[in-house]
Amino acid sequence: IIKSIFHKILFVKKIILSIITFKSNKIKNIIGIFKAYTTRVGSGPFPTELFDSTGERIRKVGHEYGATTGRDRRCGWLDLVALKYSVQINGVTELNIMKSDVLSSIGKLKVCTSYLIGDKEINYFPFDINSKKVIPQYIEFDGWDQNITQVKSEFDLPKELIDYISFIESFVKVPIKLISVGPDRIQTIYRDK
């Protein structure tokens, strides 16, 4: 009887373990989703935060307000150092870029590619970003004036947006498979990369 109970316990244990665990090599794709710019809710470090009319324009056009509180979200340029770190620690294999339409008609765009901490430039996400003054280092891109909300094909997107996306892909070393050009589900462009 004891042997029978012991085998039943082992059997139940195997079932429970098989339910709560999985083999990570069985996951083929891990999709990361990010905005074409950076936002943050609440306080804390935000190296690329914009305190000017560009940040306010991104907030207004992107409807960047808290869903529950209605508070303004903090808006800034895309932080590729933070995005790359997120891609690496989460094992992301492909990306989806959201709200690219929000950046239309802004003019020059910037993306952060490294940080200056003291007199040292680093291109990785620091262990402690709170206690040090982090100064973002930017690369500038030409913006686009075209309204892209009705675009259905990647080939009809402005060259400047394609350049922006290509740079992101080369920096984070992960393909962008989906481009959102508006808030509706149909305003989505799938890529065959």
Protein backbone atom coordinates (compact mmCIF):
# COMPACT_ATOMS: atom_id res chain seq x y z
CA ILE A 1 0.00 0.00 0.00
CA ILE A 2 2.78 2.43 0.91
CA LYS A 3 4.54 1.67 -2.38
CA SER A 4 1.29 2.31 -4.29
CA ILE A 5 0.71 5.65 -2.52
CA PHE A 6 4.32 6.65 -3.18
CA HIS A 7 3.93 5.95 -6.93
CA LYS A 8 0.69 7.94 -7.03
CA ILE A 9 2.41 10.88 -5.35
CA LEU A 10 5.25 10.74 -7.87
CA PHE A 11 2.76 10.55 -10.73
CA VAL A 12 0.82 13.59 -9.47
CA LYS A 13 4.11 15.45 -8.92
CA LYS A 14 5.15 14.78 -12.55
CA ILE A 15 1.80 16.04 -13.83
CA ILE A 16 2.01 19.22 -11.74
CA LEU A 17 5.59 19.88 -12.84
CA SER A 18 4.71 19.36 -16.49
CA ILE A 19 1.85 21.84 -16.17
CA ILE A 20 3.81 24.62 -14.45
CA THR A 21 7.04 24.29 -16.43
CA PHE A 22 7.80 24.54 -20.10
CA LYS A 23 10.80 24.05 -22.32
CA SER A 24 12.03 27.42 -23.46
CA ASN A 25 13.48 25.89 -26.63
CA LYS A 26 9.89 25.12 -27.71
CA ILE A 27 9.14 28.83 -28.03
CA LYS A 28 9.98 29.88 -31.57
CA ASN A 29 9.20 33.61 -31.53
CA ILE A 30 9.12 36.19 -28.78
CA ILE A 31 7.51 39.38 -30.01
CA GLY A 32 8.44 42.70 -28.46
CA ILE A 33 6.15 45.70 -28.86
CA PHE A 34 7.42 49.27 -28.56
CA LYS A 35 6.37 52.78 -29.48
CA ALA A 36 8.26 54.83 -32.06
CA TYR A 37 9.11 57.13 -29.14
CA THR A 38 9.44 56.57 -25.40
CA THR A 39 6.87 57.19 -22.67
CA ARG A 40 6.85 56.78 -18.95
CA VAL A 41 4.25 57.00 -16.23
CA GLY A 42 5.14 58.33 -12.81
CA SER A 43 8.45 59.48 -11.45
CA GLY A 44 11.90 58.02 -11.92
CA PRO A 45 14.72 58.25 -14.41
CA PHE A 46 13.87 59.02 -18.02
CA PRO A 47 17.01 60.15 -19.87
CA THR A 48 15.32 61.02 -23.20
CA GLU A 49 12.35 62.90 -21.73
CA LEU A 50 11.34 66.01 -23.68
CA PHE A 51 10.32 69.12 -21.75
CA ASP A 52 9.51 71.20 -24.83
CA SER A 53 6.81 71.65 -27.46
CA THR A 54 7.92 68.47 -29.25
CA GLY A 55 7.24 66.40 -26.13
CA GLU A 56 3.87 68.11 -25.73
CA ARG A 57 3.03 67.48 -29.39
CA ILE A 58 3.90 63.76 -29.07
CA ARG A 59 1.70 63.58 -25.94
CA LYS A 60 -1.23 65.30 -27.65
CA VAL A 61 -1.09 63.49 -31.02
CA GLY A 62 -0.33 60.13 -29.38
CA HIS A 63 -3.05 60.56 -26.74
CA GLU A 64 -0.48 59.87 -24.05
CA TYR A 65 -2.62 60.24 -20.96
CA GLY A 66 -3.15 57.73 -18.17
CA ALA A 67 -6.12 55.44 -18.83
CA THR A 68 -7.31 55.54 -15.23
CA THR A 69 -6.12 58.88 -13.92
CA GLY A 70 -5.96 60.91 -17.13
CA ARG A 71 -2.56 62.21 -16.04
CA ASP A 72 -0.05 63.26 -18.69
CA ARG A 73 2.43 60.56 -19.63
CA ARG A 74 6.01 61.68 -19.88
CA CYS A 75 7.19 61.58 -23.51
CA GLY A 76 10.62 61.53 -25.07
CA TRP A 77 12.80 60.38 -27.92
CA LEU A 78 13.22 56.67 -28.54
CA ASP A 79 15.84 55.23 -26.18
CA LEU A 80 17.57 52.49 -28.17
CA VAL A 81 19.90 51.62 -25.29
CA ALA A 82 16.92 50.72 -23.12
CA LEU A 83 15.12 48.99 -26.02
CA LYS A 84 18.18 46.86 -26.83
CA TYR A 85 18.53 45.88 -23.18
CA SER A 86 14.87 44.86 -23.05
CA VAL A 87 15.27 42.83 -26.25
CA GLN A 88 18.31 41.04 -24.81
CA ILE A 89 16.94 40.17 -21.37
CA ASN A 90 13.59 39.00 -22.77
CA GLY A 91 14.99 37.00 -25.69
CA VAL A 92 12.93 38.97 -28.21
CA THR A 93 13.18 37.58 -31.75
CA GLU A 94 11.04 40.14 -33.57
CA LEU A 95 9.62 43.60 -32.90
CA ASN A 96 6.41 45.50 -33.63
CA ILE A 97 6.66 49.29 -33.82
CA MET A 98 3.56 51.17 -32.70
CA LYS A 99 2.47 54.78 -33.16
CA SER A 100 4.87 55.63 -35.98
CA ASP A 101 2.17 57.99 -37.29
CA VAL A 102 2.59 60.17 -34.18
CA LEU A 103 6.03 61.24 -35.40
CA SER A 104 4.70 62.56 -38.74
CA SER A 105 5.41 66.27 -39.34
CA ILE A 106 7.69 66.71 -36.34
CA GLY A 107 10.75 67.61 -38.41
CA LYS A 108 14.05 66.27 -37.16
CA LEU A 109 13.85 63.11 -35.05
CA LYS A 110 16.37 61.83 -32.54
CA VAL A 111 17.16 58.41 -31.12
CA CYS A 112 19.39 57.78 -28.13
CA THR A 113 22.26 55.41 -28.95
CA SER A 114 24.42 55.81 -25.84
CA TYR A 115 24.64 57.57 -22.49
CA LEU A 116 27.23 59.94 -21.11
CA ILE A 117 27.80 59.32 -17.40
CA GLY A 118 30.41 61.69 -16.03
CA ASP A 119 33.09 61.71 -18.71
CA LYS A 120 32.43 58.14 -19.88
CA GLU A 121 30.21 57.27 -22.84
CA ILE A 122 28.51 53.87 -22.55
CA ASN A 123 26.32 52.02 -25.05
CA TYR A 124 24.76 49.60 -22.57
CA PHE A 125 22.05 50.02 -19.96
CA PRO A 126 23.75 50.85 -16.63
CA PHE A 127 23.14 48.82 -13.51
CA ASP A 128 22.31 51.97 -11.54
CA ILE A 129 20.56 54.62 -13.60
CA ASN A 130 19.04 56.38 -10.56
CA SER A 131 22.04 57.77 -8.71
CA LYS A 132 23.99 59.16 -11.64
CA LYS A 133 23.36 61.97 -14.08
CA VAL A 134 22.73 60.24 -17.40
CA ILE A 135 23.01 62.39 -20.51
CA PRO A 136 21.59 60.77 -23.66
CA GLN A 137 23.69 60.87 -26.82
CA TYR A 138 21.60 61.15 -29.96
CA ILE A 139 21.68 60.43 -33.65
CA GLU A 140 19.41 62.69 -35.66
CA PHE A 141 17.12 61.64 -38.52
CA ASP A 142 15.09 63.54 -41.06
CA GLY A 143 11.40 63.33 -40.29
CA TRP A 144 8.54 62.96 -42.76
CA ASP A 145 5.64 65.30 -43.48
CA GLN A 146 3.40 62.70 -45.09
CA ASN A 147 0.24 61.53 -43.32
CA ILE A 148 0.85 57.76 -43.14
CA THR A 149 -2.42 56.72 -41.48
CA GLN A 150 -3.89 55.44 -44.78
CA VAL A 151 -0.77 53.67 -46.04
CA LYS A 152 -1.34 49.93 -46.62
CA SER A 153 2.08 48.81 -47.87
CA GLU A 154 5.61 49.20 -46.57
CA PHE A 155 6.62 50.31 -50.06
CA ASP A 156 4.36 53.37 -49.80
CA LEU A 157 5.86 54.58 -46.51
CA PRO A 158 8.15 57.63 -46.60
CA LYS A 159 11.84 56.87 -47.10
CA GLU A 160 12.61 58.72 -43.85
CA LEU A 161 10.42 56.33 -41.83
CA ILE A 162 12.01 53.31 -43.53
CA ASP A 163 15.46 54.74 -42.67
CA TYR A 164 14.33 55.24 -39.06
CA ILE A 165 13.06 51.65 -38.84
CA SER A 166 16.17 50.22 -40.54
CA PHE A 167 18.42 51.99 -38.06
CA ILE A 168 16.44 50.60 -35.11
CA GLU A 169 16.69 47.10 -36.56
CA SER A 170 20.45 47.36 -37.08
CA PHE A 171 20.98 48.78 -33.58
CA VAL A 172 18.95 46.19 -31.65
CA LYS A 173 19.77 43.38 -34.14
CA VAL A 174 16.15 42.18 -34.32
CA PRO A 175 13.78 42.60 -37.30
CA ILE A 176 10.71 44.78 -37.10
CA LYS A 177 7.90 42.65 -38.55
CA LEU A 178 4.93 44.95 -38.00
CA ILE A 179 4.49 48.70 -38.40
CA SER A 180 1.48 50.44 -36.88
CA VAL A 181 0.46 53.60 -38.76
CA GLY A 182 -2.62 54.48 -36.70
CA PRO A 183 -4.81 53.47 -33.78
CA ASP A 184 -7.12 51.13 -35.71
CA ARG A 185 -6.31 47.45 -36.21
CA ILE A 186 -6.47 47.83 -39.97
CA GLN A 187 -3.77 50.51 -39.81
CA THR A 188 -1.12 47.79 -39.56
CA ILE A 189 1.55 46.87 -42.08
CA TYR A 190 3.01 43.36 -41.92
CA ARG A 191 6.53 42.89 -43.26
CA ASP A 192 8.12 39.76 -44.73
CA LYS A 193 11.55 40.35 -43.18
